[in-house]
Amino acid sequence: YLSIWVAVDPTKPRPKMTLTNETESDKYIVEASTFCASSSDGWQIATTAYLLVLLLVSAAIATQNRGIREEFNETRYLAIMIYSHFMFTILRLSIFFVSDSLGQTHVA
């Protein structure tokens, strides 16, 4: 997946200018830095969608394993894992959309 991402949409250096609050003889200081970023957000969306599909499949497997013997039943642990990963995915999506609305660039 990452090899395809780099081949199709390679990261490119992008400049970032930040205006500081410091002044030097009534002139503002601008900090210049460079970071690498991809030009498309579709890769992050595809990765998150793939993770959600894996979580749904694991939830289906955990549901099907409820009726087996106690020695082999790991449904409780699977449910805890699925719940925590789902919450982290929701957090990741909310950060992704909030940073889009603020106009920030995603770093690859």
N, C-alpha and C. Protein backbone atom coordinates (compact mmCIF):
# COMPACT_ATOMS: atom_id res chain seq x y z
N TYR A 1 0.82 -1.19 0.00
CA TYR A 1 0.00 0.00 0.00
C TYR A 1 0.87 1.26 0.00
N LEU A 2 1.85 1.30 0.88
CA LEU A 2 2.70 2.49 0.96
C LEU A 2 3.55 2.66 -0.29
N SER A 3 3.97 1.55 -0.89
CA SER A 3 4.74 1.63 -2.13
C SER A 3 3.91 2.24 -3.26
N ILE A 4 2.64 1.84 -3.33
CA ILE A 4 1.74 2.40 -4.35
C ILE A 4 1.52 3.88 -4.08
N TRP A 5 1.33 4.23 -2.80
CA TRP A 5 1.11 5.64 -2.44
C TRP A 5 2.30 6.49 -2.88
N VAL A 6 3.52 6.02 -2.59
CA VAL A 6 4.71 6.79 -2.95
C VAL A 6 4.89 6.86 -4.46
N ALA A 7 4.54 5.79 -5.18
CA ALA A 7 4.70 5.79 -6.63
C ALA A 7 3.67 6.69 -7.31
N VAL A 8 2.44 6.68 -6.83
CA VAL A 8 1.37 7.44 -7.47
C VAL A 8 1.37 8.92 -7.03
N ASP A 9 1.54 9.15 -5.75
CA ASP A 9 1.43 10.50 -5.21
C ASP A 9 2.59 10.75 -4.23
N PRO A 10 3.80 10.97 -4.74
CA PRO A 10 4.95 11.12 -3.84
C PRO A 10 4.84 12.40 -3.02
N THR A 11 5.45 12.34 -1.85
CA THR A 11 5.49 13.53 -1.01
C THR A 11 6.48 14.51 -1.58
N LYS A 12 6.16 15.78 -1.43
CA LYS A 12 7.02 16.84 -1.96
C LYS A 12 7.29 17.85 -0.85
N PRO A 13 8.48 18.43 -0.84
CA PRO A 13 8.76 19.44 0.17
C PRO A 13 7.89 20.68 -0.06
N ARG A 14 7.33 21.17 1.03
CA ARG A 14 6.47 22.36 0.97
C ARG A 14 6.94 23.36 2.02
N PRO A 15 6.98 24.62 1.64
CA PRO A 15 7.41 25.62 2.62
C PRO A 15 6.26 26.00 3.56
N LYS A 16 6.64 26.37 4.77
CA LYS A 16 5.66 26.84 5.75
C LYS A 16 6.22 28.10 6.40
N MET A 17 5.48 29.17 6.32
CA MET A 17 5.90 30.44 6.91
C MET A 17 5.01 30.72 8.13
N THR A 18 5.64 31.03 9.26
CA THR A 18 4.93 31.30 10.49
C THR A 18 5.32 32.68 11.00
N LEU A 19 4.33 33.50 11.25
CA LEU A 19 4.56 34.84 11.78
C LEU A 19 4.62 34.74 13.30
N THR A 20 5.74 35.13 13.89
CA THR A 20 5.90 35.05 15.35
C THR A 20 5.42 36.33 16.00
N ASN A 21 5.27 36.30 17.30
CA ASN A 21 4.85 37.48 18.04
C ASN A 21 6.03 38.38 18.40
N GLU A 22 7.22 37.89 18.14
CA GLU A 22 8.41 38.66 18.46
C GLU A 22 8.63 39.75 17.41
N THR A 23 9.09 40.88 17.85
CA THR A 23 9.40 41.96 16.92
C THR A 23 10.85 42.38 17.09
N GLU A 24 11.41 42.87 16.02
CA GLU A 24 12.79 43.34 16.04
C GLU A 24 12.80 44.70 15.36
N SER A 25 12.96 45.74 16.13
CA SER A 25 12.91 47.13 15.66
C SER A 25 11.64 47.39 14.85
N ASP A 26 10.49 47.09 15.46
CA ASP A 26 9.15 47.29 14.89
C ASP A 26 8.90 46.49 13.62
N LYS A 27 9.59 45.38 13.44
CA LYS A 27 9.36 44.49 12.31
C LYS A 27 9.11 43.09 12.86
N TYR A 28 8.13 42.41 12.31
CA TYR A 28 7.80 41.07 12.75
C TYR A 28 8.80 40.06 12.20
N ILE A 29 9.03 39.01 12.96
CA ILE A 29 9.94 37.94 12.55
C ILE A 29 9.12 36.82 11.95
N VAL A 30 9.52 36.35 10.78
CA VAL A 30 8.85 35.25 10.09
C VAL A 30 9.77 34.03 10.13
N GLU A 31 9.23 32.92 10.67
CA GLU A 31 10.00 31.68 10.70
C GLU A 31 9.64 30.85 9.48
N ALA A 32 10.65 30.41 8.76
CA ALA A 32 10.44 29.58 7.57
C ALA A 32 10.88 28.16 7.87
N SER A 33 10.04 27.21 7.50
CA SER A 33 10.39 25.79 7.66
C SER A 33 9.85 25.02 6.46
N THR A 34 10.34 23.80 6.31
CA THR A 34 9.92 22.95 5.20
C THR A 34 9.44 21.61 5.75
N PHE A 35 8.37 21.09 5.18
CA PHE A 35 7.85 19.77 5.55
C PHE A 35 7.45 19.04 4.29
N CYS A 36 7.35 17.73 4.38
CA CYS A 36 6.95 16.91 3.25
C CYS A 36 5.48 16.53 3.40
N ALA A 37 4.71 16.67 2.32
CA ALA A 37 3.29 16.35 2.37
C ALA A 37 2.83 15.81 1.03
N SER A 38 1.79 15.03 1.09
CA SER A 38 1.16 14.49 -0.12
C SER A 38 0.12 15.50 -0.59
N SER A 39 -0.17 15.50 -1.88
CA SER A 39 -1.11 16.48 -2.40
C SER A 39 -2.56 16.02 -2.32
N SER A 40 -2.80 14.77 -1.93
CA SER A 40 -4.17 14.24 -1.89
C SER A 40 -4.51 13.70 -0.51
N ASP A 41 -5.73 13.96 -0.05
CA ASP A 41 -6.22 13.42 1.21
C ASP A 41 -6.88 12.06 1.04
N GLY A 42 -7.04 11.61 -0.20
CA GLY A 42 -7.70 10.34 -0.46
C GLY A 42 -6.98 9.15 0.15
N TRP A 43 -5.67 9.23 0.29
CA TRP A 43 -4.90 8.12 0.86
C TRP A 43 -5.24 7.93 2.32
N GLN A 44 -5.39 9.00 3.06
CA GLN A 44 -5.76 8.87 4.47
C GLN A 44 -7.19 8.36 4.62
N ILE A 45 -8.06 8.79 3.75
CA ILE A 45 -9.44 8.31 3.78
C ILE A 45 -9.49 6.82 3.45
N ALA A 46 -8.70 6.38 2.47
CA ALA A 46 -8.66 4.96 2.10
C ALA A 46 -8.12 4.11 3.24
N THR A 47 -7.10 4.59 3.92
CA THR A 47 -6.53 3.86 5.05
C THR A 47 -7.54 3.72 6.18
N THR A 48 -8.24 4.80 6.48
CA THR A 48 -9.25 4.77 7.54
C THR A 48 -10.42 3.88 7.16
N ALA A 49 -10.84 3.89 5.91
CA ALA A 49 -11.92 3.03 5.45
C ALA A 49 -11.52 1.56 5.57
N TYR A 50 -10.28 1.24 5.21
CA TYR A 50 -9.79 -0.12 5.33
C TYR A 50 -9.79 -0.57 6.80
N LEU A 51 -9.37 0.31 7.70
CA LEU A 51 -9.39 -0.01 9.12
C LEU A 51 -10.81 -0.26 9.62
N LEU A 52 -11.76 0.55 9.16
CA LEU A 52 -13.16 0.34 9.57
C LEU A 52 -13.70 -0.99 9.05
N VAL A 53 -13.33 -1.38 7.84
CA VAL A 53 -13.76 -2.68 7.31
C VAL A 53 -13.19 -3.81 8.17
N LEU A 54 -11.92 -3.70 8.54
CA LEU A 54 -11.32 -4.72 9.40
C LEU A 54 -12.01 -4.78 10.76
N LEU A 55 -12.40 -3.64 11.30
CA LEU A 55 -13.11 -3.63 12.58
C LEU A 55 -14.49 -4.27 12.46
N LEU A 56 -15.18 -4.03 11.36
CA LEU A 56 -16.49 -4.65 11.16
C LEU A 56 -16.37 -6.16 11.01
N VAL A 57 -15.36 -6.62 10.29
CA VAL A 57 -15.15 -8.07 10.14
C VAL A 57 -14.81 -8.70 11.48
N SER A 58 -13.96 -8.06 12.26
CA SER A 58 -13.62 -8.61 13.57
C SER A 58 -14.82 -8.59 14.51
N ALA A 59 -15.70 -7.60 14.39
CA ALA A 59 -16.92 -7.58 15.20
C ALA A 59 -17.83 -8.73 14.81
N ALA A 60 -17.91 -9.04 13.53
CA ALA A 60 -18.73 -10.18 13.09
C ALA A 60 -18.15 -11.49 13.61
N ILE A 61 -16.84 -11.63 13.59
CA ILE A 61 -16.20 -12.85 14.11
C ILE A 61 -16.43 -12.96 15.61
N ALA A 62 -16.31 -11.87 16.34
CA ALA A 62 -16.55 -11.90 17.79
C ALA A 62 -17.99 -12.28 18.10
N THR A 63 -18.93 -11.79 17.30
CA THR A 63 -20.34 -12.13 17.51
C THR A 63 -20.58 -13.61 17.25
N GLN A 64 -19.96 -14.18 16.25
CA GLN A 64 -20.13 -15.59 15.92
C GLN A 64 -19.47 -16.50 16.96
N ASN A 65 -18.47 -16.02 17.67
CA ASN A 65 -17.75 -16.84 18.64
C ASN A 65 -18.36 -16.81 20.04
N ARG A 66 -19.50 -16.21 20.22
CA ARG A 66 -20.09 -16.11 21.56
C ARG A 66 -20.49 -17.46 22.13
N GLY A 67 -20.92 -18.39 21.29
CA GLY A 67 -21.49 -19.64 21.78
C GLY A 67 -20.51 -20.79 21.95
N ILE A 68 -19.22 -20.58 21.80
CA ILE A 68 -18.29 -21.69 21.93
C ILE A 68 -17.86 -21.87 23.39
N ARG A 69 -17.13 -22.95 23.66
CA ARG A 69 -16.73 -23.27 25.04
C ARG A 69 -15.90 -22.14 25.64
N GLU A 70 -15.95 -22.04 26.95
CA GLU A 70 -15.29 -20.96 27.68
C GLU A 70 -13.77 -20.97 27.50
N GLU A 71 -13.18 -22.14 27.32
CA GLU A 71 -11.72 -22.22 27.18
C GLU A 71 -11.24 -21.52 25.91
N PHE A 72 -12.08 -21.51 24.90
CA PHE A 72 -11.70 -20.93 23.62
C PHE A 72 -12.39 -19.60 23.34
N ASN A 73 -13.23 -19.17 24.24
CA ASN A 73 -14.04 -17.97 24.02
C ASN A 73 -13.25 -16.72 24.38
N GLU A 74 -12.89 -15.95 23.38
CA GLU A 74 -12.16 -14.69 23.59
C GLU A 74 -12.99 -13.50 23.13
N THR A 75 -14.30 -13.67 23.13
CA THR A 75 -15.18 -12.62 22.65
C THR A 75 -15.05 -11.35 23.45
N ARG A 76 -14.92 -11.45 24.77
CA ARG A 76 -14.82 -10.26 25.62
C ARG A 76 -13.58 -9.45 25.25
N TYR A 77 -12.47 -10.12 25.04
CA TYR A 77 -11.22 -9.41 24.70
C TYR A 77 -11.29 -8.82 23.30
N LEU A 78 -11.90 -9.54 22.39
CA LEU A 78 -12.09 -8.99 21.04
C LEU A 78 -12.99 -7.76 21.07
N ALA A 79 -14.03 -7.81 21.87
CA ALA A 79 -14.95 -6.67 21.96
C ALA A 79 -14.25 -5.44 22.53
N ILE A 80 -13.42 -5.64 23.54
CA ILE A 80 -12.67 -4.51 24.12
C ILE A 80 -11.71 -3.92 23.08
N MET A 81 -11.03 -4.79 22.35
CA MET A 81 -10.10 -4.34 21.31
C MET A 81 -10.84 -3.59 20.21
N ILE A 82 -11.97 -4.13 19.77
CA ILE A 82 -12.74 -3.49 18.70
C ILE A 82 -13.24 -2.13 19.15
N TYR A 83 -13.77 -2.06 20.38
CA TYR A 83 -14.28 -0.79 20.90
C TYR A 83 -13.17 0.27 20.98
N SER A 84 -12.00 -0.10 21.51
CA SER A 84 -10.93 0.89 21.64
C SER A 84 -10.41 1.34 20.27
N HIS A 85 -10.26 0.41 19.34
CA HIS A 85 -9.80 0.79 18.01
C HIS A 85 -10.84 1.65 17.29
N PHE A 86 -12.11 1.34 17.50
CA PHE A 86 -13.16 2.14 16.88
C PHE A 86 -13.14 3.57 17.43
N MET A 87 -12.94 3.73 18.74
CA MET A 87 -12.88 5.07 19.33
C MET A 87 -11.67 5.84 18.80
N PHE A 88 -10.54 5.17 18.66
CA PHE A 88 -9.36 5.85 18.10
C PHE A 88 -9.57 6.23 16.64
N THR A 89 -10.29 5.40 15.90
CA THR A 89 -10.59 5.73 14.50
C THR A 89 -11.52 6.93 14.41
N ILE A 90 -12.53 6.99 15.29
CA ILE A 90 -13.42 8.15 15.32
C ILE A 90 -12.64 9.40 15.68
N LEU A 91 -11.73 9.30 16.64
CA LEU A 91 -10.89 10.44 17.01
C LEU A 91 -10.03 10.87 15.83
N ARG A 92 -9.46 9.89 15.12
CA ARG A 92 -8.65 10.20 13.94
C ARG A 92 -9.46 10.90 12.86
N LEU A 93 -10.67 10.43 12.61
CA LEU A 93 -11.53 11.07 11.61
C LEU A 93 -11.92 12.48 12.02
N SER A 94 -12.25 12.67 13.30
CA SER A 94 -12.64 14.01 13.73
C SER A 94 -11.48 14.99 13.62
N ILE A 95 -10.27 14.56 13.95
CA ILE A 95 -9.10 15.42 13.79
C ILE A 95 -8.86 15.72 12.32
N PHE A 96 -9.04 14.72 11.47
CA PHE A 96 -8.86 14.89 10.03
C PHE A 96 -9.81 15.95 9.48
N PHE A 97 -11.10 15.87 9.85
CA PHE A 97 -12.07 16.81 9.31
C PHE A 97 -11.96 18.19 9.95
N VAL A 98 -11.61 18.27 11.22
CA VAL A 98 -11.43 19.57 11.87
C VAL A 98 -10.23 20.29 11.28
N SER A 99 -9.13 19.57 11.05
CA SER A 99 -7.96 20.22 10.48
C SER A 99 -8.21 20.63 9.04
N ASP A 100 -9.07 19.90 8.31
CA ASP A 100 -9.46 20.32 6.96
C ASP A 100 -10.23 21.63 7.00
N SER A 101 -11.13 21.75 7.96
CA SER A 101 -11.93 22.97 8.03
C SER A 101 -11.10 24.16 8.47
N LEU A 102 -9.99 23.91 9.17
CA LEU A 102 -9.12 25.01 9.57
C LEU A 102 -8.11 25.36 8.50
N GLY A 103 -8.03 24.54 7.45
CA GLY A 103 -7.15 24.84 6.34
C GLY A 103 -5.71 24.41 6.55
N GLN A 104 -5.47 23.45 7.42
CA GLN A 104 -4.11 22.98 7.64
C GLN A 104 -3.78 21.88 6.65
N THR A 105 -2.51 21.74 6.35
CA THR A 105 -2.04 20.72 5.42
C THR A 105 -1.71 19.46 6.19
N HIS A 106 -2.05 18.30 5.61
CA HIS A 106 -1.76 17.02 6.25
C HIS A 106 -0.36 16.58 5.90
N VAL A 107 0.37 16.19 6.90
CA VAL A 107 1.72 15.72 6.68
C VAL A 107 1.66 14.22 6.44
N ALA A 108 2.36 13.76 5.43
CA ALA A 108 2.34 12.33 5.10
C ALA A 108 3.21 11.54 6.03
